[in-house]
């Protein structure tokens, strides 16, 4: 029998990070792959879902439980905003266009930096500051938030509660309709 899947916040977030890293490795090792645009669109959707869930749940927890949580959350949200701008530009490009590989390389480097910051700083601090029960509750809520999150970058959308909690579901519905019309799996 397989071991039960852990759903605490730290595990959920780091599992997402590992999934994104696997896709990045695929993109780096197969630059001529015919499905490159589909893979990039997939990783963008996953990054958007992940970012929305962090902004709705993890960063408010940092603000609540860490003395310097406001500063940390603001920095992380700023990094998300920059990545969303890159994703929006990348989303409009096709493999073979001059800017495609440049934007993809920037996205990969920026996200790897962000992952390193979270895994070496924020996540261990939240693990120390929160109870196991709170971490489990946050992890389950992150998983639920990702299911309802948009699948495309919206760099001008609000990234802090309460506005992001109100507007994200509407953006998600529009994104899922656009994904269906474009033949993208969301």
Foldseek 3Di string as FASTA:
>chain_A
DDDDDAQFQLSLLVVLVVVLVVLLVVCVVCVPDPCNLLSLLQSLLSLQLLLLLCLEFVLVLLVVQPPCSVVVSVVLVVLVLVLLVLQQVLNPDDPPPPCNVVSSVVNVVSVVVSVCCCVVPVSVVSVVRDDRVVRNVSSVSSVVSSVQFARHRDSVQDRHPPRSVVCGNVNNVVRVVVCVVVVRDD
